[in-house]
PDB file of N, CA and C in Angstrom:
ATOM      1  N   MET A   1       0.817  -1.206   0.000  1.00  0.00           N
ATOM      2  CA  MET A   1       0.000   0.000   0.000  1.00  0.00           C
ATOM      3  C   MET A   1       0.847   1.251   0.000  1.00  0.00           C
ATOM      4  N   LYS A   2       2.132   1.082  -0.196  1.00  0.00           N
ATOM      5  CA  LYS A   2       3.025   2.230  -0.188  1.00  0.00           C
ATOM      6  C   LYS A   2       2.680   3.175  -1.331  1.00  0.00           C
ATOM      7  N   GLY A   3       2.544   4.458  -0.995  1.00  0.00           N
ATOM      8  CA  GLY A   3       2.252   5.469  -2.007  1.00  0.00           C
ATOM      9  C   GLY A   3       0.800   5.524  -2.423  1.00  0.00           C
ATOM     10  N   THR A   4      -0.077   4.788  -1.755  1.00  0.00           N
ATOM     11  CA  THR A   4      -1.492   4.758  -2.102  1.00  0.00           C
ATOM     12  C   THR A   4      -2.281   5.616  -1.118  1.00  0.00           C
ATOM     13  N   TRP A   5      -3.121   6.489  -1.663  1.00  0.00           N
ATOM     14  CA  TRP A   5      -3.991   7.301  -0.810  1.00  0.00           C
ATOM     15  C   TRP A   5      -5.202   6.456  -0.458  1.00  0.00           C
ATOM     16  N   LEU A   6      -5.526   6.392   0.825  1.00  0.00           N
ATOM     17  CA  LEU A   6      -6.661   5.612   1.285  1.00  0.00           C
ATOM     18  C   LEU A   6      -7.749   6.537   1.800  1.00  0.00           C
ATOM     19  N   GLU A   7      -8.981   6.127   1.585  1.00  0.00           N
ATOM     20  CA  GLU A   7     -10.111   6.903   2.091  1.00  0.00           C
ATOM     21  C   GLU A   7     -10.203   6.730   3.608  1.00  0.00           C
ATOM     22  N   GLU A   8     -10.901   7.653   4.250  1.00  0.00           N
ATOM     23  CA  GLU A   8     -11.016   7.642   5.706  1.00  0.00           C
ATOM     24  C   GLU A   8     -11.628   6.343   6.217  1.00  0.00           C
ATOM     25  N   GLU A   9     -12.623   5.807   5.510  1.00  0.00           N
ATOM     26  CA  GLU A   9     -13.280   4.568   5.937  1.00  0.00           C
ATOM     27  C   GLU A   9     -12.297   3.399   5.949  1.00  0.00           C
ATOM     28  N   LYS A  10     -11.440   3.323   4.935  1.00  0.00           N
ATOM     29  CA  LYS A  10     -10.453   2.239   4.883  1.00  0.00           C
ATOM     30  C   LYS A  10      -9.434   2.377   6.006  1.00  0.00           C
ATOM     31  N   LYS A  11      -9.035   3.607   6.295  1.00  0.00           N
ATOM     32  CA  LYS A  11      -8.084   3.833   7.382  1.00  0.00           C
ATOM     33  C   LYS A  11      -8.672   3.378   8.704  1.00  0.00           C
ATOM     34  N   VAL A  12      -9.938   3.725   8.944  1.00  0.00           N
ATOM     35  CA  VAL A  12     -10.605   3.322  10.182  1.00  0.00           C
ATOM     36  C   VAL A  12     -10.703   1.802  10.250  1.00  0.00           C
ATOM     37  N   ALA A  13     -11.065   1.165   9.135  1.00  0.00           N
ATOM     38  CA  ALA A  13     -11.175  -0.294   9.117  1.00  0.00           C
ATOM     39  C   ALA A  13      -9.825  -0.952   9.428  1.00  0.00           C
ATOM     40  N   ILE A  14      -8.767  -0.429   8.869  1.00  0.00           N
ATOM     41  CA  ILE A  14      -7.428  -0.966   9.138  1.00  0.00           C
ATOM     42  C   ILE A  14      -7.077  -0.779  10.608  1.00  0.00           C
ATOM     43  N   LEU A  15      -7.343   0.400  11.157  1.00  0.00           N
ATOM     44  CA  LEU A  15      -7.059   0.647  12.572  1.00  0.00           C
ATOM     45  C   LEU A  15      -7.849  -0.292  13.476  1.00  0.00           C
ATOM     46  N   VAL A  16      -9.104  -0.531  13.141  1.00  0.00           N
ATOM     47  CA  VAL A  16      -9.938  -1.420  13.960  1.00  0.00           C
ATOM     48  C   VAL A  16      -9.379  -2.838  13.933  1.00  0.00           C
ATOM     49  N   THR A  17      -9.018  -3.336  12.754  1.00  0.00           N
ATOM     50  CA  THR A  17      -8.484  -4.704  12.676  1.00  0.00           C
ATOM     51  C   THR A  17      -7.138  -4.814  13.403  1.00  0.00           C
ATOM     52  N   ILE A  18      -6.334  -3.787  13.353  1.00  0.00           N
ATOM     53  CA  ILE A  18      -5.043  -3.822  14.060  1.00  0.00           C
ATOM     54  C   ILE A  18      -5.273  -3.771  15.570  1.00  0.00           C
ATOM     55  N   GLU A  19      -6.255  -2.990  16.020  1.00  0.00           N
ATOM     56  CA  GLU A  19      -6.586  -2.952  17.449  1.00  0.00           C
ATOM     57  C   GLU A  19      -7.130  -4.304  17.911  1.00  0.00           C
ATOM     58  N   GLU A  20      -7.948  -4.953  17.090  1.00  0.00           N
ATOM     59  CA  GLU A  20      -8.452  -6.288  17.415  1.00  0.00           C
ATOM     60  C   GLU A  20      -7.305  -7.294  17.482  1.00  0.00           C
ATOM     61  N   ALA A  21      -6.352  -7.164  16.580  1.00  0.00           N
ATOM     62  CA  ALA A  21      -5.188  -8.051  16.589  1.00  0.00           C
ATOM     63  C   ALA A  21      -4.364  -7.842  17.860  1.00  0.00           C
ATOM     64  N   ARG A  22      -4.257  -6.614  18.304  1.00  0.00           N
ATOM     65  CA  ARG A  22      -3.502  -6.330  19.539  1.00  0.00           C
ATOM     66  C   ARG A  22      -4.198  -6.939  20.753  1.00  0.00           C
ATOM     67  N   GLU A  23      -5.530  -6.948  20.729  1.00  0.00           N
ATOM     68  CA  GLU A  23      -6.271  -7.588  21.821  1.00  0.00           C
ATOM     69  C   GLU A  23      -5.998  -9.090  21.867  1.00  0.00           C
ATOM     70  N   GLN A  24      -5.655  -9.669  20.734  1.00  0.00           N
ATOM     71  CA  GLN A  24      -5.331 -11.097  20.649  1.00  0.00           C
ATOM     72  C   GLN A  24      -3.829 -11.334  20.786  1.00  0.00           C
ATOM     73  N   ARG A  25      -3.115 -10.342  21.326  1.00  0.00           N
ATOM     74  CA  ARG A  25      -1.683 -10.411  21.608  1.00  0.00           C
ATOM     75  C   ARG A  25      -0.813 -10.520  20.358  1.00  0.00           C
ATOM     76  N   ILE A  26      -1.265  -9.903  19.286  1.00  0.00           N
ATOM     77  CA  ILE A  26      -0.455  -9.805  18.070  1.00  0.00           C
ATOM     78  C   ILE A  26       0.122  -8.398  18.056  1.00  0.00           C
ATOM     79  N   THR A  27       1.408  -8.295  17.857  1.00  0.00           N
ATOM     80  CA  THR A  27       2.044  -6.980  17.901  1.00  0.00           C
ATOM     81  C   THR A  27       1.578  -6.128  16.729  1.00  0.00           C
ATOM     82  N   ARG A  28       1.722  -4.822  16.918  1.00  0.00           N
ATOM     83  CA  ARG A  28       1.327  -3.890  15.867  1.00  0.00           C
ATOM     84  C   ARG A  28       2.178  -4.101  14.612  1.00  0.00           C
ATOM     85  N   SER A  29       3.466  -4.375  14.802  1.00  0.00           N
ATOM     86  CA  SER A  29       4.344  -4.607  13.652  1.00  0.00           C
ATOM     87  C   SER A  29       3.895  -5.813  12.841  1.00  0.00           C
ATOM     88  N   ARG A  30       3.536  -6.887  13.528  1.00  0.00           N
ATOM     89  CA  ARG A  30       3.093  -8.093  12.824  1.00  0.00           C
ATOM     90  C   ARG A  30       1.747  -7.869  12.144  1.00  0.00           C
ATOM     91  N   ALA A  31       0.838  -7.158  12.825  1.00  0.00           N
ATOM     92  CA  ALA A  31      -0.466  -6.861  12.226  1.00  0.00           C
ATOM     93  C   ALA A  31      -0.301  -5.982  10.987  1.00  0.00           C
ATOM     94  N   CYS A  32       0.646  -5.041  11.055  1.00  0.00           N
ATOM     95  CA  CYS A  32       0.908  -4.181   9.886  1.00  0.00           C
ATOM     96  C   CYS A  32       1.521  -4.989   8.747  1.00  0.00           C
ATOM     97  N   ALA A  33       2.314  -5.998   9.098  1.00  0.00           N
ATOM     98  CA  ALA A  33       2.909  -6.852   8.064  1.00  0.00           C
ATOM     99  C   ALA A  33       1.834  -7.687   7.366  1.00  0.00           C
ATOM    100  N   MET A  34       0.776  -8.044   8.099  1.00  0.00           N
ATOM    101  CA  MET A  34      -0.331  -8.791   7.483  1.00  0.00           C
ATOM    102  C   MET A  34      -1.053  -7.919   6.456  1.00  0.00           C
ATOM    103  N   TRP A  35      -1.259  -6.675   6.830  1.00  0.00           N
ATOM    104  CA  TRP A  35      -1.691  -5.676   5.855  1.00  0.00           C
ATOM    105  C   TRP A  35      -0.367  -5.177   5.262  1.00  0.00           C
ATOM    106  N   PRO A  36      -0.217  -5.042   4.019  1.00  0.00           N
ATOM    107  CA  PRO A  36       1.068  -4.517   3.520  1.00  0.00           C
ATOM    108  C   PRO A  36       1.146  -2.999   3.731  1.00  0.00           C
ATOM    109  N   ILE A  37       1.318  -2.605   5.000  1.00  0.00           N
ATOM    110  CA  ILE A  37       1.315  -1.183   5.341  1.00  0.00           C
ATOM    111  C   ILE A  37       2.378  -0.934   6.404  1.00  0.00           C
ATOM    112  N   SER A  38       2.969   0.232   6.380  1.00  0.00           N
ATOM    113  CA  SER A  38       4.044   0.522   7.325  1.00  0.00           C
ATOM    114  C   SER A  38       3.477   0.814   8.719  1.00  0.00           C
ATOM    115  N   ARG A  39       4.233   0.394   9.718  1.00  0.00           N
ATOM    116  CA  ARG A  39       3.836   0.604  11.104  1.00  0.00           C
ATOM    117  C   ARG A  39       3.777   2.096  11.416  1.00  0.00           C
ATOM    118  N   ARG A  40       4.698   2.851  10.845  1.00  0.00           N
ATOM    119  CA  ARG A  40       4.740   4.301  11.072  1.00  0.00           C
ATOM    120  C   ARG A  40       3.451   4.982  10.611  1.00  0.00           C
ATOM    121  N   ARG A  41       2.959   4.549   9.453  1.00  0.00           N
ATOM    122  CA  ARG A  41       1.736   5.122   8.900  1.00  0.00           C
ATOM    123  C   ARG A  41       0.545   4.847   9.830  1.00  0.00           C
ATOM    124  N   VAL A  42       0.449   3.608  10.311  1.00  0.00           N
ATOM    125  CA  VAL A  42      -0.645   3.233  11.203  1.00  0.00           C
ATOM    126  C   VAL A  42      -0.535   3.983  12.533  1.00  0.00           C
ATOM    127  N   THR A  43       0.678   4.137  13.037  1.00  0.00           N
ATOM    128  CA  THR A  43       0.892   4.871  14.282  1.00  0.00           C
ATOM    129  C   THR A  43       0.459   6.325  14.128  1.00  0.00           C
ATOM    130  N   ARG A  44       0.766   6.914  12.980  1.00  0.00           N
ATOM    131  CA  ARG A  44       0.364   8.301  12.713  1.00  0.00           C
ATOM    132  C   ARG A  44      -1.163   8.427  12.672  1.00  0.00           C
ATOM    133  N   TRP A  45      -1.823   7.468  12.024  1.00  0.00           N
ATOM    134  CA  TRP A  45      -3.293   7.487  11.973  1.00  0.00           C
ATOM    135  C   TRP A  45      -3.883   7.344  13.366  1.00  0.00           C
ATOM    136  N   ALA A  46      -3.345   6.399  14.152  1.00  0.00           N
ATOM    137  CA  ALA A  46      -3.866   6.170  15.505  1.00  0.00           C
ATOM    138  C   ALA A  46      -3.681   7.414  16.367  1.00  0.00           C
ATOM    139  N   SER A  47      -2.540   8.066  16.217  1.00  0.00           N
ATOM    140  CA  SER A  47      -2.273   9.282  16.985  1.00  0.00           C
ATOM    141  C   SER A  47      -3.269  10.377  16.618  1.00  0.00           C
ATOM    142  N   ALA A  48      -3.518  10.561  15.333  1.00  0.00           N
ATOM    143  CA  ALA A  48      -4.477  11.579  14.876  1.00  0.00           C
ATOM    144  C   ALA A  48      -5.879  11.252  15.389  1.00  0.00           C
ATOM    145  N   ARG A  49      -6.226  10.002  15.339  1.00  0.00           N
ATOM    146  CA  ARG A  49      -7.555   9.580  15.804  1.00  0.00           C
ATOM    147  C   ARG A  49      -7.703   9.795  17.309  1.00  0.00           C
ATOM    148  N   ASN A  50      -6.662   9.492  18.071  1.00  0.00           N
ATOM    149  CA  ASN A  50      -6.702   9.669  19.526  1.00  0.00           C
ATOM    150  C   ASN A  50      -6.783  11.135  19.920  1.00  0.00           C
ATOM    151  N   ARG A  51      -6.229  12.022  19.091  1.00  0.00           N
ATOM    152  CA  ARG A  51      -6.287  13.458  19.365  1.00  0.00           C
ATOM    153  C   ARG A  51      -7.597  14.077  18.914  1.00  0.00           C
ATOM    154  N   GLY A  52      -8.467  13.260  18.288  1.00  0.00           N
ATOM    155  CA  GLY A  52      -9.766  13.762  17.847  1.00  0.00           C
ATOM    156  C   GLY A  52      -9.764  14.350  16.454  1.00  0.00           C
ATOM    157  N   HIS A  53      -8.675  14.180  15.718  1.00  0.00           N
ATOM    158  CA  HIS A  53      -8.607  14.675  14.338  1.00  0.00           C
ATOM    159  C   HIS A  53      -9.177  13.629  13.393  1.00  0.00           C
ATOM    160  N   GLY A  54      -9.679  14.086  12.282  1.00  0.00           N
ATOM    161  CA  GLY A  54     -10.183  13.165  11.273  1.00  0.00           C
ATOM    162  C   GLY A  54      -9.039  12.493  10.538  1.00  0.00           C
ATOM    163  N   LEU A  55      -9.369  11.431   9.831  1.00  0.00           N
ATOM    164  CA  LEU A  55      -8.363  10.695   9.070  1.00  0.00           C
ATOM    165  C   LEU A  55      -8.480  10.958   7.573  1.00  0.00           C
ATOM    166  N   GLY A  56      -9.258  11.960   7.205  1.00  0.00           N
ATOM    167  CA  GLY A  56      -9.419  12.293   5.792  1.00  0.00           C
ATOM    168  C   GLY A  56      -8.123  12.825   5.202  1.00  0.00           C
ATOM    169  N   ASN A  57      -8.023  12.728   3.895  1.00  0.00           N
ATOM    170  CA  ASN A  57      -6.838  13.218   3.192  1.00  0.00           C
ATOM    171  C   ASN A  57      -6.946  14.719   3.019  1.00  0.00           C
ATOM    172  N   GLY A  58      -6.144  15.448   3.751  1.00  0.00           N
ATOM    173  CA  GLY A  58      -6.169  16.905   3.669  1.00  0.00           C
ATOM    174  C   GLY A  58      -5.243  17.426   2.591  1.00  0.00           C
ATOM    175  N   LYS A  59      -5.401  18.671   2.295  1.00  0.00           N
ATOM    176  CA  LYS A  59      -4.524  19.335   1.336  1.00  0.00           C
ATOM    177  C   LYS A  59      -3.159  19.535   1.996  1.00  0.00           C
ATOM    178  N   PRO A  60      -2.082  19.156   1.326  1.00  0.00           N
ATOM    179  CA  PRO A  60      -0.761  19.324   1.936  1.00  0.00           C
ATOM    180  C   PRO A  60      -0.347  20.788   2.001  1.00  0.00           C
ATOM    181  N   GLY A  61       0.530  21.089   2.932  1.00  0.00           N
ATOM    182  CA  GLY A  61       1.062  22.440   3.054  1.00  0.00           C
ATOM    183  C   GLY A  61       0.379  23.248   4.135  1.00  0.00           C
ATOM    184  N   PRO A  62       0.871  24.448   4.367  1.00  0.00           N
ATOM    185  CA  PRO A  62       0.303  25.288   5.429  1.00  0.00           C
ATOM    186  C   PRO A  62      -1.066  25.833   5.034  1.00  0.00           C
ATOM    187  N   THR A  63      -1.873  26.122   6.052  1.00  0.00           N
ATOM    188  CA  THR A  63      -3.201  26.674   5.778  1.00  0.00           C
ATOM    189  C   THR A  63      -3.162  28.183   5.590  1.00  0.00           C
ATOM    190  N   MET A  64      -2.169  28.832   6.178  1.00  0.00           N
ATOM    191  CA  MET A  64      -2.014  30.275   6.037  1.00  0.00           C
ATOM    192  C   MET A  64      -0.592  30.561   5.556  1.00  0.00           C
ATOM    193  N   PRO A  65      -0.418  31.375   4.523  1.00  0.00           N
ATOM    194  CA  PRO A  65       0.940  31.672   4.067  1.00  0.00           C
ATOM    195  C   PRO A  65       1.708  32.502   5.094  1.00  0.00           C
ATOM    196  N   CYS A  66       2.971  32.204   5.250  1.00  0.00           N
ATOM    197  CA  CYS A  66       3.772  32.911   6.256  1.00  0.00           C
ATOM    198  C   CYS A  66       4.063  34.355   5.842  1.00  0.00           C
ATOM    199  N   HIS A  67       3.908  34.673   4.563  1.00  0.00           N
ATOM    200  CA  HIS A  67       4.223  36.018   4.087  1.00  0.00           C
ATOM    201  C   HIS A  67       2.974  36.870   3.864  1.00  0.00           C
ATOM    202  N   ARG A  68       1.855  36.468   4.469  1.00  0.00           N
ATOM    203  CA  ARG A  68       0.617  37.225   4.278  1.00  0.00           C
ATOM    204  C   ARG A  68       0.727  38.602   4.941  1.00  0.00           C
ATOM    205  N   LEU A  69      -0.130  39.521   4.493  1.00  0.00           N
ATOM    206  CA  LEU A  69      -0.141  40.856   5.071  1.00  0.00           C
ATOM    207  C   LEU A  69      -0.751  40.821   6.462  1.00  0.00           C
ATOM    208  N   LEU A  70      -0.174  41.568   7.365  1.00  0.00           N
ATOM    209  CA  LEU A  70      -0.751  41.711   8.693  1.00  0.00           C
ATOM    210  C   LEU A  70      -1.925  42.679   8.607  1.00  0.00           C
ATOM    211  N   GLU A  71      -2.783  42.650   9.599  1.00  0.00           N
ATOM    212  CA  GLU A  71      -3.977  43.497   9.573  1.00  0.00           C
ATOM    213  C   GLU A  71      -3.616  44.977   9.512  1.00  0.00           C
ATOM    214  N   GLU A  72      -2.589  45.401  10.255  1.00  0.00           N
ATOM    215  CA  GLU A  72      -2.204  46.810  10.208  1.00  0.00           C
ATOM    216  C   GLU A  72      -1.630  47.185   8.838  1.00  0.00           C
ATOM    217  N   GLU A  73      -1.004  46.212   8.149  1.00  0.00           N
ATOM    218  CA  GLU A  73      -0.510  46.474   6.790  1.00  0.00           C
ATOM    219  C   GLU A  73      -1.680  46.618   5.824  1.00  0.00           C
ATOM    220  N   ARG A  74      -2.702  45.795   5.995  1.00  0.00           N
ATOM    221  CA  ARG A  74      -3.895  45.909   5.149  1.00  0.00           C
ATOM    222  C   ARG A  74      -4.538  47.287   5.294  1.00  0.00           C
ATOM    223  N   VAL A  75      -4.656  47.749   6.519  1.00  0.00           N
ATOM    224  CA  VAL A  75      -5.256  49.072   6.772  1.00  0.00           C
ATOM    225  C   VAL A  75      -4.415  50.160   6.112  1.00  0.00           C
ATOM    226  N   ALA A  76      -3.093  50.048   6.215  1.00  0.00           N
ATOM    227  CA  ALA A  76      -2.202  51.048   5.617  1.00  0.00           C
ATOM    228  C   ALA A  76      -2.310  51.048   4.097  1.00  0.00           C
ATOM    229  N   VAL A  77      -2.452  49.879   3.500  1.00  0.00           N
ATOM    230  CA  VAL A  77      -2.566  49.781   2.034  1.00  0.00           C
ATOM    231  C   VAL A  77      -3.848  50.444   1.559  1.00  0.00           C
ATOM    232  N   VAL A  78      -4.952  50.120   2.192  1.00  0.00           N
ATOM    233  CA  VAL A  78      -6.236  50.710   1.788  1.00  0.00           C
ATOM    234  C   VAL A  78      -6.219  52.218   1.992  1.00  0.00           C
ATOM    235  N   ALA A  79      -5.639  52.660   3.091  1.00  0.00           N
ATOM    236  CA  ALA A  79      -5.555  54.103   3.354  1.00  0.00           C
ATOM    237  C   ALA A  79      -4.711  54.791   2.283  1.00  0.00           C
ATOM    238  N   ALA A  80      -3.603  54.181   1.904  1.00  0.00           N
ATOM    239  CA  ALA A  80      -2.745  54.779   0.869  1.00  0.00           C
ATOM    240  C   ALA A  80      -3.460  54.821  -0.467  1.00  0.00           C
ATOM    241  N   ALA A  81      -4.200  53.761  -0.803  1.00  0.00           N
ATOM    242  CA  ALA A  81      -4.902  53.716  -2.089  1.00  0.00           C
ATOM    243  C   ALA A  81      -6.021  54.739  -2.168  1.00  0.00           C
ATOM    244  N   ARG A  82      -6.558  55.137  -1.034  1.00  0.00           N
ATOM    245  CA  ARG A  82      -7.672  56.097  -1.025  1.00  0.00           C
ATOM    246  C   ARG A  82      -7.227  57.536  -0.868  1.00  0.00           C
ATOM    247  N   GLU A  83      -5.929  57.752  -0.706  1.00  0.00           N
ATOM    248  CA  GLU A  83      -5.441  59.133  -0.576  1.00  0.00           C
ATOM    249  C   GLU A  83      -5.622  59.883  -1.892  1.00  0.00           C
ATOM    250  N   GLU A  84      -5.920  61.147  -1.783  1.00  0.00           N
ATOM    251  CA  GLU A  84      -6.165  61.981  -2.961  1.00  0.00           C
ATOM    252  C   GLU A  84      -4.935  62.057  -3.867  1.00  0.00           C
ATOM    253  N   SER A  85      -3.757  62.073  -3.294  1.00  0.00           N
ATOM    254  CA  SER A  85      -2.541  62.194  -4.101  1.00  0.00           C
ATOM    255  C   SER A  85      -2.296  60.959  -4.966  1.00  0.00           C
ATOM    256  N   TYR A  86      -2.898  59.828  -4.606  1.00  0.00           N
ATOM    257  CA  TYR A  86      -2.720  58.594  -5.387  1.00  0.00           C
ATOM    258  C   TYR A  86      -3.946  58.250  -6.228  1.00  0.00           C
ATOM    259  N   ALA A  87      -4.965  59.067  -6.216  1.00  0.00           N
ATOM    260  CA  ALA A  87      -6.250  58.733  -6.833  1.00  0.00           C
ATOM    261  C   ALA A  87      -6.162  58.450  -8.331  1.00  0.00           C
ATOM    262  N   ASP A  88      -5.328  59.168  -9.060  1.00  0.00           N
ATOM    263  CA  ASP A  88      -5.277  59.012 -10.509  1.00  0.00           C
ATOM    264  C   ASP A  88      -4.200  58.046 -10.983  1.00  0.00           C
ATOM    265  N   LEU A  89      -3.536  57.384 -10.087  1.00  0.00           N
ATOM    266  CA  LEU A  89      -2.454  56.471 -10.467  1.00  0.00           C
ATOM    267  C   LEU A  89      -2.987  55.070 -10.771  1.00  0.00           C
ATOM    268  N   SER A  90      -2.350  54.407 -11.730  1.00  0.00           N
ATOM    269  CA  SER A  90      -2.690  53.010 -11.992  1.00  0.00           C
ATOM    270  C   SER A  90      -2.174  52.166 -10.826  1.00  0.00           C
ATOM    271  N   HIS A  91      -2.650  50.942 -10.736  1.00  0.00           N
ATOM    272  CA  HIS A  91      -2.223  50.114  -9.612  1.00  0.00           C
ATOM    273  C   HIS A  91      -0.721  49.831  -9.656  1.00  0.00           C
ATOM    274  N   ARG A  92      -0.134  49.768 -10.853  1.00  0.00           N
ATOM    275  CA  ARG A  92       1.310  49.537 -10.963  1.00  0.00           C
ATOM    276  C   ARG A  92       2.102  50.753 -10.467  1.00  0.00           C
ATOM    277  N   THR A  93       1.688  51.930 -10.908  1.00  0.00           N
ATOM    278  CA  THR A  93       2.357  53.154 -10.468  1.00  0.00           C
ATOM    279  C   THR A  93       2.126  53.380  -8.980  1.00  0.00           C
ATOM    280  N   LEU A  94       0.935  53.075  -8.528  1.00  0.00           N
ATOM    281  CA  LEU A  94       0.617  53.206  -7.109  1.00  0.00           C
ATOM    282  C   LEU A  94       1.517  52.297  -6.271  1.00  0.00           C
ATOM    283  N   ALA A  95       1.755  51.082  -6.751  1.00  0.00           N
ATOM    284  CA  ALA A  95       2.601  50.145  -6.011  1.00  0.00           C
ATOM    285  C   ALA A  95       4.013  50.675  -5.874  1.00  0.00           C
ATOM    286  N   VAL A  96       4.536  51.257  -6.951  1.00  0.00           N
ATOM    287  CA  VAL A  96       5.901  51.786  -6.905  1.00  0.00           C
ATOM    288  C   VAL A  96       5.958  53.047  -6.056  1.00  0.00           C
ATOM    289  N   THR A  97       5.029  53.964  -6.291  1.00  0.00           N
ATOM    290  CA  THR A  97       5.028  55.237  -5.577  1.00  0.00           C
ATOM    291  C   THR A  97       4.780  55.047  -4.082  1.00  0.00           C
ATOM    292  N   ALA A  98       3.741  54.321  -3.771  1.00  0.00           N
ATOM    293  CA  ALA A  98       3.408  54.121  -2.358  1.00  0.00           C
ATOM    294  C   ALA A  98       4.345  53.118  -1.700  1.00  0.00           C
ATOM    295  N   GLY A  99       5.062  52.346  -2.514  1.00  0.00           N
ATOM    296  CA  GLY A  99       6.018  51.391  -1.963  1.00  0.00           C
ATOM    297  C   GLY A  99       7.129  52.049  -1.188  1.00  0.00           C
ATOM    298  N   THR A 100       7.369  53.335  -1.459  1.00  0.00           N
ATOM    299  CA  THR A 100       8.392  54.053  -0.692  1.00  0.00           C
ATOM    300  C   THR A 100       7.944  54.259   0.753  1.00  0.00           C
ATOM    301  N   ARG A 101       6.618  54.236   0.972  1.00  0.00           N
ATOM    302  CA  ARG A 101       6.085  54.356   2.336  1.00  0.00           C
ATOM    303  C   ARG A 101       6.101  53.027   3.065  1.00  0.00           C
ATOM    304  N   GLY A 102       6.152  51.948   2.311  1.00  0.00           N
ATOM    305  CA  GLY A 102       6.106  50.596   2.883  1.00  0.00           C
ATOM    306  C   GLY A 102       5.703  49.631   1.789  1.00  0.00           C
ATOM    307  N   CYS A 103       6.223  48.446   1.804  1.00  0.00           N
ATOM    308  CA  CYS A 103       5.989  47.485   0.728  1.00  0.00           C
ATOM    309  C   CYS A 103       4.607  46.847   0.858  1.00  0.00           C
ATOM    310  N   PHE A 104       3.883  46.765  -0.243  1.00  0.00           N
ATOM    311  CA  PHE A 104       2.622  46.043  -0.257  1.00  0.00           C
ATOM    312  C   PHE A 104       2.337  45.538  -1.660  1.00  0.00           C
ATOM    313  N   SER A 105       1.317  44.750  -1.783  1.00  0.00           N
ATOM    314  CA  SER A 105       1.028  44.052  -3.034  1.00  0.00           C
ATOM    315  C   SER A 105      -0.093  44.711  -3.829  1.00  0.00           C
ATOM    316  N   CYS A 106       0.073  44.767  -5.140  1.00  0.00           N
ATOM    317  CA  CYS A 106      -0.974  45.281  -6.030  1.00  0.00           C
ATOM    318  C   CYS A 106      -2.169  44.346  -6.036  1.00  0.00           C
ATOM    319  N   ARG A 107      -1.892  43.055  -5.902  1.00  0.00           N
ATOM    320  CA  ARG A 107      -2.963  42.068  -5.910  1.00  0.00           C
ATOM    321  C   ARG A 107      -3.984  42.379  -4.806  1.00  0.00           C
ATOM    322  N   PHE A 108      -3.498  42.820  -3.659  1.00  0.00           N
ATOM    323  CA  PHE A 108      -4.393  43.155  -2.564  1.00  0.00           C
ATOM    324  C   PHE A 108      -5.290  44.330  -2.954  1.00  0.00           C
ATOM    325  N   LEU A 109      -4.731  45.304  -3.666  1.00  0.00           N
ATOM    326  CA  LEU A 109      -5.528  46.455  -4.080  1.00  0.00           C
ATOM    327  C   LEU A 109      -6.660  46.028  -5.010  1.00  0.00           C
ATOM    328  N   ARG A 110      -6.354  45.093  -5.924  1.00  0.00           N
ATOM    329  CA  ARG A 110      -7.379  44.629  -6.832  1.00  0.00           C
ATOM    330  C   ARG A 110      -8.466  43.854  -6.086  1.00  0.00           C
ATOM    331  N   CYS A 111      -8.079  43.046  -5.092  1.00  0.00           N
ATOM    332  CA  CYS A 111      -9.051  42.266  -4.333  1.00  0.00           C
ATOM    333  C   CYS A 111     -10.009  43.140  -3.541  1.00  0.00           C
ATOM    334  N   THR A 112      -9.538  44.257  -3.062  1.00  0.00           N
ATOM    335  CA  THR A 112     -10.399  45.151  -2.276  1.00  0.00           C
ATOM    336  C   THR A 112     -11.152  46.141  -3.154  1.00  0.00           C
ATOM    337  N   GLY A 113     -10.924  46.092  -4.464  1.00  0.00           N
ATOM    338  CA  GLY A 113     -11.609  47.017  -5.361  1.00  0.00           C
ATOM    339  C   GLY A 113     -11.079  48.421  -5.293  1.00  0.00           C
ATOM    340  N   SER A 114      -9.842  48.581  -4.802  1.00  0.00           N
ATOM    341  CA  SER A 114      -9.277  49.921  -4.619  1.00  0.00           C
ATOM    342  C   SER A 114      -8.562  50.438  -5.860  1.00  0.00           C
ATOM    343  N   CYS A 115      -8.352  49.583  -6.864  1.00  0.00           N
ATOM    344  CA  CYS A 115      -7.723  50.087  -8.083  1.00  0.00           C
ATOM    345  C   CYS A 115      -8.623  49.792  -9.276  1.00  0.00           C
ATOM    346  N   PRO A 116      -8.595  50.660 -10.260  1.00  0.00           N
ATOM    347  CA  PRO A 116      -9.487  50.485 -11.403  1.00  0.00           C
ATOM    348  C   PRO A 116      -9.081  49.295 -12.261  1.00  0.00           C
ATOM    349  N   GLN A 117     -10.057  48.644 -12.863  1.00  0.00           N
ATOM    350  CA  GLN A 117      -9.804  47.533 -13.778  1.00  0.00           C
ATOM    351  C   GLN A 117      -9.700  48.081 -15.188  1.00  0.00           C
ATOM    352  N   LYS A 118      -8.899  47.422 -16.020  1.00  0.00           N
ATOM    353  CA  LYS A 118      -8.786  47.835 -17.413  1.00  0.00           C
ATOM    354  C   LYS A 118     -10.102  47.584 -18.137  1.00  0.00           C
ATOM    355  N   ALA A 119     -10.474  48.509 -19.000  1.00  0.00           N
ATOM    356  CA  ALA A 119     -11.674  48.305 -19.810  1.00  0.00           C
ATOM    357  C   ALA A 119     -11.340  47.352 -20.935  1.00  0.00           C
ATOM    358  N   SER A 120     -12.233  46.389 -21.213  1.00  0.00           N
ATOM    359  CA  SER A 120     -11.973  45.409 -22.263  1.00  0.00           C
ATOM    360  C   SER A 120     -12.418  45.918 -23.601  1.00  0.00           C
TER     361      SER A 120
END
């Protein structure tokens, strides 16, 4: 089963059979050998289950990017975009000009509707 993604139901079924095997004095390593699955993988599932986490296949990677804007940075960006001196600037020029006050992303300006969209 190496490299195979398993559904949550199959993981639970495997854990239950391994727990039943342990009740019959069969070691976890031997029970894992009966299922062609690594002991480490089963231990990780059991640990997650004991902590109350689900066994579903989640999306890999962090849930929040480490380089995201802080709330005070968001407020500063919106305030800069709404200043009269920057009102007629494109989002690219605004990013460069206002970037001297502090670095921020043009993408954020577009998401908040603070910069004009090109006419098609």
